């Protein structure tokens, strides 16, 4: 049986769950945490981004077997950092989402950026957000919201 901590709560994964099961399916199907989205299934779009041990990863391509016992997983539902809250507030203030499908992955990536880089440049934002696809093409608003969140964090 695998043991994970998802959003600070202990989760015991049944021994019968295959090791190649993607973390995304454990989160969505087993735990009911549907904020993390399935986008492409190939780690190319970013909709499935979560944190494993504080680092953004694509959960659609993260097999259960790759996670260490007791791994700390954070999903959009558990993102309570000051950076995460600032990004979410900026997203609302600047009306970033259209369809909203990519937003949880975008927010997770942006919050991770701001946790490392307090005043990101356009190049920093481009690097951090690379591979996070927005089919509605709200990239200008996404960049503005990241800058707004950085400004609000002071």
N, C-alpha and C. Protein backbone atom coordinates (compact mmCIF):
# COMPACT_ATOMS: atom_id res chain seq x y z
N UNK A 1 0.84 -1.18 0.00
CA UNK A 1 0.00 0.00 0.00
C UNK A 1 0.89 1.24 0.00
N UNK A 2 0.61 2.17 -0.91
CA UNK A 2 1.33 3.43 -0.98
C UNK A 2 0.66 4.45 -0.06
N UNK A 3 1.46 5.28 0.56
CA UNK A 3 0.96 6.35 1.41
C UNK A 3 1.41 7.67 0.82
N UNK A 4 0.46 8.57 0.59
CA UNK A 4 0.74 9.91 0.11
C UNK A 4 0.09 10.91 1.05
N UNK A 5 0.56 12.13 1.01
CA UNK A 5 -0.11 13.21 1.71
C UNK A 5 -0.60 14.18 0.64
N UNK A 6 -1.90 14.21 0.44
CA UNK A 6 -2.51 15.05 -0.60
C UNK A 6 -3.20 16.21 0.10
N UNK A 7 -2.73 17.40 -0.21
CA UNK A 7 -3.27 18.61 0.43
C UNK A 7 -3.25 18.48 1.96
N UNK A 8 -2.14 17.93 2.46
CA UNK A 8 -1.86 17.77 3.89
C UNK A 8 -2.65 16.65 4.56
N UNK A 9 -3.42 15.88 3.79
CA UNK A 9 -4.19 14.77 4.35
C UNK A 9 -3.57 13.44 3.92
N UNK A 10 -3.46 12.54 4.87
CA UNK A 10 -2.90 11.22 4.56
C UNK A 10 -3.88 10.45 3.66
N UNK A 11 -3.32 9.84 2.62
CA UNK A 11 -4.09 9.02 1.69
C UNK A 11 -3.38 7.69 1.56
N UNK A 12 -4.11 6.61 1.84
CA UNK A 12 -3.58 5.26 1.67
C UNK A 12 -4.09 4.72 0.35
N UNK A 13 -3.17 4.42 -0.55
CA UNK A 13 -3.51 3.89 -1.86
C UNK A 13 -3.54 2.36 -1.75
N UNK A 14 -4.62 1.76 -2.17
CA UNK A 14 -4.77 0.30 -2.06
C UNK A 14 -3.62 -0.42 -2.74
N UNK A 15 -3.23 -1.54 -2.16
CA UNK A 15 -2.12 -2.32 -2.68
C UNK A 15 -2.37 -2.80 -4.11
N UNK A 16 -3.62 -2.96 -4.50
CA UNK A 16 -3.94 -3.46 -5.83
C UNK A 16 -3.86 -2.43 -6.94
N UNK A 17 -3.60 -1.17 -6.61
CA UNK A 17 -3.53 -0.14 -7.65
C UNK A 17 -2.21 -0.32 -8.40
N UNK A 18 -2.27 -0.50 -9.72
CA UNK A 18 -1.03 -0.71 -10.49
C UNK A 18 -0.08 0.48 -10.37
N UNK A 19 1.21 0.18 -10.33
CA UNK A 19 2.24 1.22 -10.19
C UNK A 19 2.29 2.18 -11.36
N UNK A 20 1.78 1.76 -12.52
CA UNK A 20 1.81 2.65 -13.68
C UNK A 20 0.56 3.55 -13.76
N UNK A 21 -0.29 3.51 -12.75
CA UNK A 21 -1.46 4.39 -12.72
C UNK A 21 -1.00 5.83 -12.57
N UNK A 22 -1.41 6.73 -13.48
CA UNK A 22 -1.02 8.13 -13.37
C UNK A 22 -1.60 8.78 -12.11
N UNK A 23 -0.81 9.63 -11.50
CA UNK A 23 -1.26 10.39 -10.34
C UNK A 23 -2.57 11.12 -10.63
N UNK A 24 -2.73 11.62 -11.83
CA UNK A 24 -3.96 12.33 -12.20
C UNK A 24 -5.20 11.49 -11.93
N UNK A 25 -5.16 10.21 -12.28
CA UNK A 25 -6.34 9.36 -12.09
C UNK A 25 -6.58 9.06 -10.62
N UNK A 26 -5.52 8.97 -9.85
CA UNK A 26 -5.69 8.78 -8.41
C UNK A 26 -6.37 10.01 -7.82
N UNK A 27 -5.89 11.19 -8.21
CA UNK A 27 -6.47 12.43 -7.68
C UNK A 27 -7.93 12.58 -8.08
N UNK A 28 -8.21 12.42 -9.37
CA UNK A 28 -9.56 12.65 -9.88
C UNK A 28 -10.53 11.52 -9.55
N UNK A 29 -10.14 10.29 -9.88
CA UNK A 29 -11.08 9.17 -9.78
C UNK A 29 -11.17 8.60 -8.37
N UNK A 30 -10.05 8.47 -7.70
CA UNK A 30 -10.06 7.86 -6.36
C UNK A 30 -10.36 8.87 -5.27
N UNK A 31 -9.83 10.08 -5.41
CA UNK A 31 -9.97 11.07 -4.33
C UNK A 31 -11.03 12.14 -4.63
N UNK A 32 -11.54 12.19 -5.84
CA UNK A 32 -12.58 13.17 -6.18
C UNK A 32 -12.09 14.60 -6.28
N UNK A 33 -10.79 14.78 -6.45
CA UNK A 33 -10.21 16.13 -6.59
C UNK A 33 -10.18 16.49 -8.07
N UNK A 34 -11.27 17.04 -8.56
CA UNK A 34 -11.44 17.25 -9.99
C UNK A 34 -10.97 18.61 -10.48
N UNK A 35 -10.35 19.40 -9.63
CA UNK A 35 -9.79 20.68 -10.07
C UNK A 35 -8.62 20.49 -11.01
N UNK A 36 -7.88 19.42 -10.82
CA UNK A 36 -6.77 19.08 -11.71
C UNK A 36 -7.37 18.42 -12.94
N UNK A 37 -7.09 18.96 -14.10
CA UNK A 37 -7.76 18.53 -15.33
C UNK A 37 -6.91 17.60 -16.18
N UNK A 38 -7.60 16.76 -16.94
CA UNK A 38 -6.98 15.97 -18.00
C UNK A 38 -7.05 16.82 -19.26
N UNK A 39 -5.90 17.07 -19.85
CA UNK A 39 -5.87 17.86 -21.08
C UNK A 39 -5.44 17.01 -22.26
N UNK A 40 -4.16 16.69 -22.30
CA UNK A 40 -3.62 15.97 -23.46
C UNK A 40 -3.19 14.55 -23.12
N UNK A 41 -2.90 14.28 -21.86
CA UNK A 41 -2.43 12.96 -21.47
C UNK A 41 -0.97 12.69 -21.80
N UNK A 42 -0.27 13.70 -22.32
CA UNK A 42 1.13 13.51 -22.73
C UNK A 42 2.07 14.54 -22.09
N UNK A 43 1.61 15.23 -21.05
CA UNK A 43 2.41 16.22 -20.33
C UNK A 43 2.81 17.41 -21.20
N UNK A 44 1.99 17.74 -22.17
CA UNK A 44 2.31 18.83 -23.09
C UNK A 44 1.49 20.10 -22.85
N UNK A 45 0.35 20.01 -22.18
CA UNK A 45 -0.54 21.17 -22.10
C UNK A 45 -0.56 21.84 -20.73
N UNK A 46 -0.20 21.13 -19.66
CA UNK A 46 -0.12 21.72 -18.33
C UNK A 46 -1.41 21.73 -17.54
N UNK A 47 -2.52 21.28 -18.10
CA UNK A 47 -3.80 21.31 -17.38
C UNK A 47 -3.77 20.44 -16.12
N UNK A 48 -2.89 19.45 -16.09
CA UNK A 48 -2.83 18.50 -14.98
C UNK A 48 -1.75 18.84 -13.95
N UNK A 49 -1.22 20.05 -13.99
CA UNK A 49 -0.11 20.42 -13.10
C UNK A 49 -0.52 20.39 -11.63
N UNK A 50 0.29 19.70 -10.85
CA UNK A 50 0.18 19.68 -9.38
C UNK A 50 1.60 19.84 -8.85
N UNK A 51 1.73 19.97 -7.54
CA UNK A 51 3.06 19.98 -6.93
C UNK A 51 3.31 18.63 -6.28
N UNK A 52 4.50 18.10 -6.53
CA UNK A 52 5.00 16.94 -5.81
C UNK A 52 6.25 17.41 -5.09
N UNK A 53 6.20 17.35 -3.77
CA UNK A 53 7.29 17.85 -2.94
C UNK A 53 7.61 19.31 -3.29
N UNK A 54 6.57 20.09 -3.58
CA UNK A 54 6.73 21.51 -3.83
C UNK A 54 7.11 21.89 -5.26
N UNK A 55 7.32 20.90 -6.11
CA UNK A 55 7.73 21.17 -7.49
C UNK A 55 6.58 20.89 -8.44
N UNK A 56 6.34 21.79 -9.40
CA UNK A 56 5.27 21.53 -10.36
C UNK A 56 5.60 20.34 -11.26
N UNK A 57 4.65 19.42 -11.38
CA UNK A 57 4.80 18.26 -12.25
C UNK A 57 3.50 18.03 -13.00
N UNK A 58 3.60 17.32 -14.10
CA UNK A 58 2.42 16.97 -14.89
C UNK A 58 1.91 15.63 -14.37
N UNK A 59 0.78 15.65 -13.72
CA UNK A 59 0.27 14.44 -13.06
C UNK A 59 -0.20 13.38 -14.04
N UNK A 60 -0.48 13.75 -15.28
CA UNK A 60 -0.93 12.75 -16.26
C UNK A 60 0.20 11.80 -16.64
N UNK A 61 1.43 12.20 -16.43
CA UNK A 61 2.59 11.38 -16.78
C UNK A 61 3.45 11.05 -15.56
N UNK A 62 2.86 11.14 -14.37
CA UNK A 62 3.56 10.81 -13.14
C UNK A 62 2.96 9.53 -12.58
N UNK A 63 3.62 8.40 -12.82
CA UNK A 63 3.06 7.13 -12.33
C UNK A 63 3.18 7.02 -10.81
N UNK A 64 2.24 6.32 -10.24
CA UNK A 64 2.25 6.09 -8.80
C UNK A 64 3.60 5.54 -8.34
N UNK A 65 4.19 4.65 -9.13
CA UNK A 65 5.46 4.01 -8.74
C UNK A 65 6.62 5.00 -8.64
N UNK A 66 6.50 6.17 -9.23
CA UNK A 66 7.59 7.15 -9.17
C UNK A 66 7.54 8.01 -7.91
N UNK A 67 6.47 7.89 -7.15
CA UNK A 67 6.31 8.71 -5.95
C UNK A 67 6.86 7.98 -4.73
N UNK A 68 7.65 8.68 -3.93
CA UNK A 68 8.18 8.05 -2.73
C UNK A 68 7.07 7.94 -1.67
N UNK A 69 7.22 7.00 -0.79
CA UNK A 69 6.26 6.84 0.30
C UNK A 69 6.21 8.13 1.11
N UNK A 70 5.00 8.59 1.36
CA UNK A 70 4.81 9.82 2.13
C UNK A 70 4.97 11.09 1.32
N UNK A 71 5.02 10.98 -0.01
CA UNK A 71 5.20 12.17 -0.86
C UNK A 71 4.11 13.19 -0.57
N UNK A 72 4.51 14.46 -0.60
CA UNK A 72 3.61 15.58 -0.37
C UNK A 72 3.10 16.07 -1.73
N UNK A 73 1.80 15.94 -1.95
CA UNK A 73 1.16 16.35 -3.20
C UNK A 73 0.24 17.53 -2.89
N UNK A 74 0.31 18.58 -3.71
CA UNK A 74 -0.60 19.71 -3.57
C UNK A 74 -1.33 19.90 -4.88
N UNK A 75 -2.66 19.94 -4.80
CA UNK A 75 -3.49 20.20 -5.96
C UNK A 75 -4.04 21.62 -5.87
N UNK A 76 -4.75 22.05 -6.88
CA UNK A 76 -5.35 23.38 -6.87
C UNK A 76 -6.27 23.56 -5.67
N UNK A 77 -6.93 22.48 -5.25
CA UNK A 77 -7.83 22.57 -4.09
C UNK A 77 -7.07 22.86 -2.81
N UNK A 78 -5.80 22.48 -2.75
CA UNK A 78 -5.01 22.67 -1.54
C UNK A 78 -4.00 23.81 -1.62
N UNK A 79 -4.04 24.56 -2.70
CA UNK A 79 -3.06 25.65 -2.89
C UNK A 79 -3.44 26.84 -2.01
N UNK A 80 -2.81 26.92 -0.85
CA UNK A 80 -3.13 27.96 0.13
C UNK A 80 -1.94 28.86 0.44
N UNK A 81 -0.90 28.81 -0.38
CA UNK A 81 0.27 29.65 -0.14
C UNK A 81 -0.09 31.10 -0.44
N UNK A 82 0.72 32.02 0.08
CA UNK A 82 0.46 33.43 -0.21
C UNK A 82 0.56 33.70 -1.71
N UNK A 83 1.49 33.02 -2.38
CA UNK A 83 1.63 33.19 -3.82
C UNK A 83 0.40 32.64 -4.55
N UNK A 84 -0.05 31.48 -4.13
CA UNK A 84 -1.23 30.87 -4.75
C UNK A 84 -2.46 31.73 -4.59
N UNK A 85 -2.65 32.27 -3.41
CA UNK A 85 -3.82 33.12 -3.15
C UNK A 85 -3.71 34.42 -3.94
N UNK A 86 -2.51 34.97 -4.04
CA UNK A 86 -2.30 36.20 -4.81
C UNK A 86 -2.59 35.98 -6.29
N UNK A 87 -2.14 34.85 -6.81
CA UNK A 87 -2.38 34.53 -8.22
C UNK A 87 -3.87 34.36 -8.46
N UNK A 88 -4.55 33.63 -7.59
CA UNK A 88 -5.98 33.43 -7.77
C UNK A 88 -6.74 34.75 -7.71
N UNK A 89 -6.35 35.65 -6.81
CA UNK A 89 -7.00 36.96 -6.71
C UNK A 89 -6.76 37.78 -7.98
N UNK A 90 -5.53 37.74 -8.49
CA UNK A 90 -5.21 38.47 -9.72
C UNK A 90 -5.97 37.89 -10.91
N UNK A 91 -6.12 36.58 -10.95
CA UNK A 91 -6.86 35.91 -12.03
C UNK A 91 -8.30 36.45 -12.07
N UNK A 92 -8.89 36.56 -10.88
CA UNK A 92 -10.27 37.08 -10.81
C UNK A 92 -10.32 38.57 -11.15
N UNK A 93 -9.40 39.33 -10.58
CA UNK A 93 -9.39 40.78 -10.80
C UNK A 93 -9.26 41.12 -12.28
N UNK A 94 -8.39 40.41 -12.98
CA UNK A 94 -8.14 40.72 -14.39
C UNK A 94 -8.96 39.85 -15.35
N UNK A 95 -9.90 39.09 -14.79
CA UNK A 95 -10.82 38.30 -15.60
C UNK A 95 -10.08 37.42 -16.62
N UNK A 96 -9.11 36.66 -16.11
CA UNK A 96 -8.27 35.84 -16.99
C UNK A 96 -9.04 34.72 -17.68
N UNK A 97 -9.81 33.91 -16.95
CA UNK A 97 -10.38 32.72 -17.59
C UNK A 97 -11.45 33.05 -18.64
N UNK A 98 -11.46 32.24 -19.67
CA UNK A 98 -12.60 32.23 -20.58
C UNK A 98 -13.29 30.89 -20.36
N UNK A 99 -12.81 29.83 -21.00
CA UNK A 99 -13.44 28.53 -20.74
C UNK A 99 -13.02 28.00 -19.37
N UNK A 100 -11.82 28.36 -18.92
CA UNK A 100 -11.35 28.00 -17.59
C UNK A 100 -10.69 26.64 -17.48
N UNK A 101 -10.68 25.86 -18.53
CA UNK A 101 -10.20 24.49 -18.43
C UNK A 101 -8.73 24.41 -18.03
N UNK A 102 -7.91 25.29 -18.53
CA UNK A 102 -6.48 25.24 -18.25
C UNK A 102 -6.09 25.95 -16.95
N UNK A 103 -7.04 26.62 -16.34
CA UNK A 103 -6.69 27.55 -15.27
C UNK A 103 -6.02 26.93 -14.06
N UNK A 104 -6.43 25.74 -13.64
CA UNK A 104 -5.77 25.18 -12.45
C UNK A 104 -4.29 24.94 -12.71
N UNK A 105 -3.96 24.44 -13.88
CA UNK A 105 -2.55 24.24 -14.22
C UNK A 105 -1.80 25.55 -14.37
N UNK A 106 -2.45 26.52 -14.96
CA UNK A 106 -1.83 27.85 -15.12
C UNK A 106 -1.55 28.47 -13.74
N UNK A 107 -2.52 28.41 -12.86
CA UNK A 107 -2.38 28.99 -11.52
C UNK A 107 -1.27 28.28 -10.74
N UNK A 108 -1.24 26.96 -10.83
CA UNK A 108 -0.19 26.20 -10.12
C UNK A 108 1.20 26.60 -10.62
N UNK A 109 1.36 26.72 -11.94
CA UNK A 109 2.66 27.10 -12.51
C UNK A 109 3.03 28.53 -12.13
N UNK A 110 2.06 29.43 -12.18
CA UNK A 110 2.33 30.83 -11.83
C UNK A 110 2.71 30.99 -10.36
N UNK A 111 2.00 30.28 -9.49
CA UNK A 111 2.31 30.36 -8.06
C UNK A 111 3.71 29.80 -7.77
N UNK A 112 4.08 28.73 -8.46
CA UNK A 112 5.42 28.16 -8.28
C UNK A 112 6.48 29.17 -8.72
N UNK A 113 6.22 29.87 -9.81
CA UNK A 113 7.14 30.91 -10.27
C UNK A 113 7.31 31.98 -9.21
N UNK A 114 6.20 32.49 -8.67
CA UNK A 114 6.28 33.59 -7.70
C UNK A 114 6.88 33.15 -6.37
N UNK A 115 6.81 31.86 -6.06
CA UNK A 115 7.45 31.37 -4.84
C UNK A 115 8.98 31.45 -4.96
N UNK A 116 9.49 31.36 -6.20
CA UNK A 116 10.94 31.40 -6.44
C UNK A 116 11.42 32.78 -6.86
N UNK A 117 10.59 33.49 -7.63
CA UNK A 117 11.01 34.75 -8.23
C UNK A 117 9.98 35.82 -7.87
N UNK A 118 10.36 36.73 -7.00
CA UNK A 118 9.41 37.71 -6.47
C UNK A 118 8.99 38.76 -7.50
N UNK A 119 9.91 39.14 -8.38
CA UNK A 119 9.62 40.14 -9.41
C UNK A 119 10.00 39.56 -10.77
N UNK A 120 9.15 38.70 -11.31
CA UNK A 120 9.52 38.02 -12.56
C UNK A 120 9.52 38.95 -13.76
N UNK A 121 10.49 38.75 -14.62
CA UNK A 121 10.53 39.47 -15.90
C UNK A 121 9.65 38.71 -16.89
N UNK A 122 9.46 39.30 -18.06
CA UNK A 122 8.71 38.60 -19.10
C UNK A 122 9.40 37.28 -19.44
N UNK A 123 10.72 37.28 -19.48
CA UNK A 123 11.47 36.05 -19.78
C UNK A 123 11.25 35.00 -18.69
N UNK A 124 11.23 35.42 -17.42
CA UNK A 124 10.95 34.50 -16.32
C UNK A 124 9.57 33.88 -16.47
N UNK A 125 8.60 34.72 -16.80
CA UNK A 125 7.22 34.24 -16.96
C UNK A 125 7.13 33.27 -18.13
N UNK A 126 7.77 33.63 -19.24
CA UNK A 126 7.76 32.74 -20.41
C UNK A 126 8.34 31.38 -20.06
N UNK A 127 9.45 31.36 -19.35
CA UNK A 127 10.11 30.10 -19.01
C UNK A 127 9.24 29.27 -18.07
N UNK A 128 8.66 29.91 -17.06
CA UNK A 128 7.85 29.19 -16.08
C UNK A 128 6.54 28.67 -16.66
N UNK A 129 5.99 29.42 -17.60
CA UNK A 129 4.68 29.06 -18.14
C UNK A 129 4.77 28.26 -19.43
N UNK A 130 5.98 28.01 -19.90
CA UNK A 130 6.17 27.26 -21.13
C UNK A 130 5.48 25.90 -21.02
N UNK A 131 4.72 25.57 -22.04
CA UNK A 131 4.02 24.30 -22.05
C UNK A 131 2.67 24.32 -21.37
N UNK A 132 2.26 25.45 -20.83
CA UNK A 132 0.91 25.59 -20.29
C UNK A 132 0.06 26.21 -21.39
N UNK A 133 -0.75 25.39 -22.00
CA UNK A 133 -1.51 25.79 -23.16
C UNK A 133 -2.87 26.34 -22.74
N UNK A 134 -3.22 27.48 -23.32
CA UNK A 134 -4.56 28.06 -23.13
C UNK A 134 -5.21 28.09 -24.51
N UNK A 135 -6.20 27.25 -24.68
CA UNK A 135 -6.85 27.17 -25.99
C UNK A 135 -7.64 28.44 -26.31
N UNK A 136 -7.97 29.23 -25.31
CA UNK A 136 -8.68 30.49 -25.53
C UNK A 136 -7.71 31.64 -25.80
N UNK A 137 -6.42 31.38 -25.68
CA UNK A 137 -5.36 32.34 -25.97
C UNK A 137 -5.42 33.58 -25.10
N UNK A 138 -5.60 33.40 -23.80
CA UNK A 138 -5.62 34.55 -22.89
C UNK A 138 -4.23 34.84 -22.32
N UNK A 139 -3.21 34.57 -23.10
CA UNK A 139 -1.83 34.71 -22.63
C UNK A 139 -1.49 36.12 -22.17
N UNK A 140 -2.02 37.13 -22.81
CA UNK A 140 -1.74 38.51 -22.40
C UNK A 140 -2.31 38.75 -21.00
N UNK A 141 -3.51 38.26 -20.75
CA UNK A 141 -4.11 38.42 -19.42
C UNK A 141 -3.40 37.56 -18.38
N UNK A 142 -2.93 36.38 -18.78
CA UNK A 142 -2.19 35.53 -17.85
C UNK A 142 -0.92 36.24 -17.40
N UNK A 143 -0.18 36.80 -18.36
CA UNK A 143 1.05 37.53 -18.01
C UNK A 143 0.73 38.73 -17.10
N UNK A 144 -0.31 39.45 -17.43
CA UNK A 144 -0.70 40.62 -16.62
C UNK A 144 -1.09 40.18 -15.20
N UNK A 145 -1.78 39.06 -15.09
CA UNK A 145 -2.19 38.59 -13.77
C UNK A 145 -0.99 38.15 -12.94
N UNK A 146 -0.02 37.53 -13.56
CA UNK A 146 1.20 37.14 -12.83
C UNK A 146 1.91 38.39 -12.32
N UNK A 147 1.99 39.40 -13.16
CA UNK A 147 2.63 40.66 -12.72
C UNK A 147 1.82 41.33 -11.62
N UNK A 148 0.49 41.29 -11.73
CA UNK A 148 -0.38 41.85 -10.69
C UNK A 148 -0.19 41.11 -9.37
N UNK A 149 -0.12 39.80 -9.44
CA UNK A 149 0.09 39.00 -8.23
C UNK A 149 1.45 39.32 -7.60
N UNK A 150 2.46 39.45 -8.42
CA UNK A 150 3.80 39.79 -7.91
C UNK A 150 3.77 41.15 -7.21
N UNK A 151 3.09 42.08 -7.85
CA UNK A 151 2.98 43.44 -7.27
C UNK A 151 2.24 43.39 -5.92
N UNK A 152 1.19 42.60 -5.83
CA UNK A 152 0.43 42.52 -4.59
C UNK A 152 1.22 41.85 -3.47
N UNK A 153 2.17 41.01 -3.83
CA UNK A 153 3.01 40.36 -2.84
C UNK A 153 4.11 41.28 -2.33
N UNK A 154 4.31 42.39 -3.06
CA UNK A 154 5.24 43.42 -2.64
C UNK A 154 6.65 43.10 -2.88
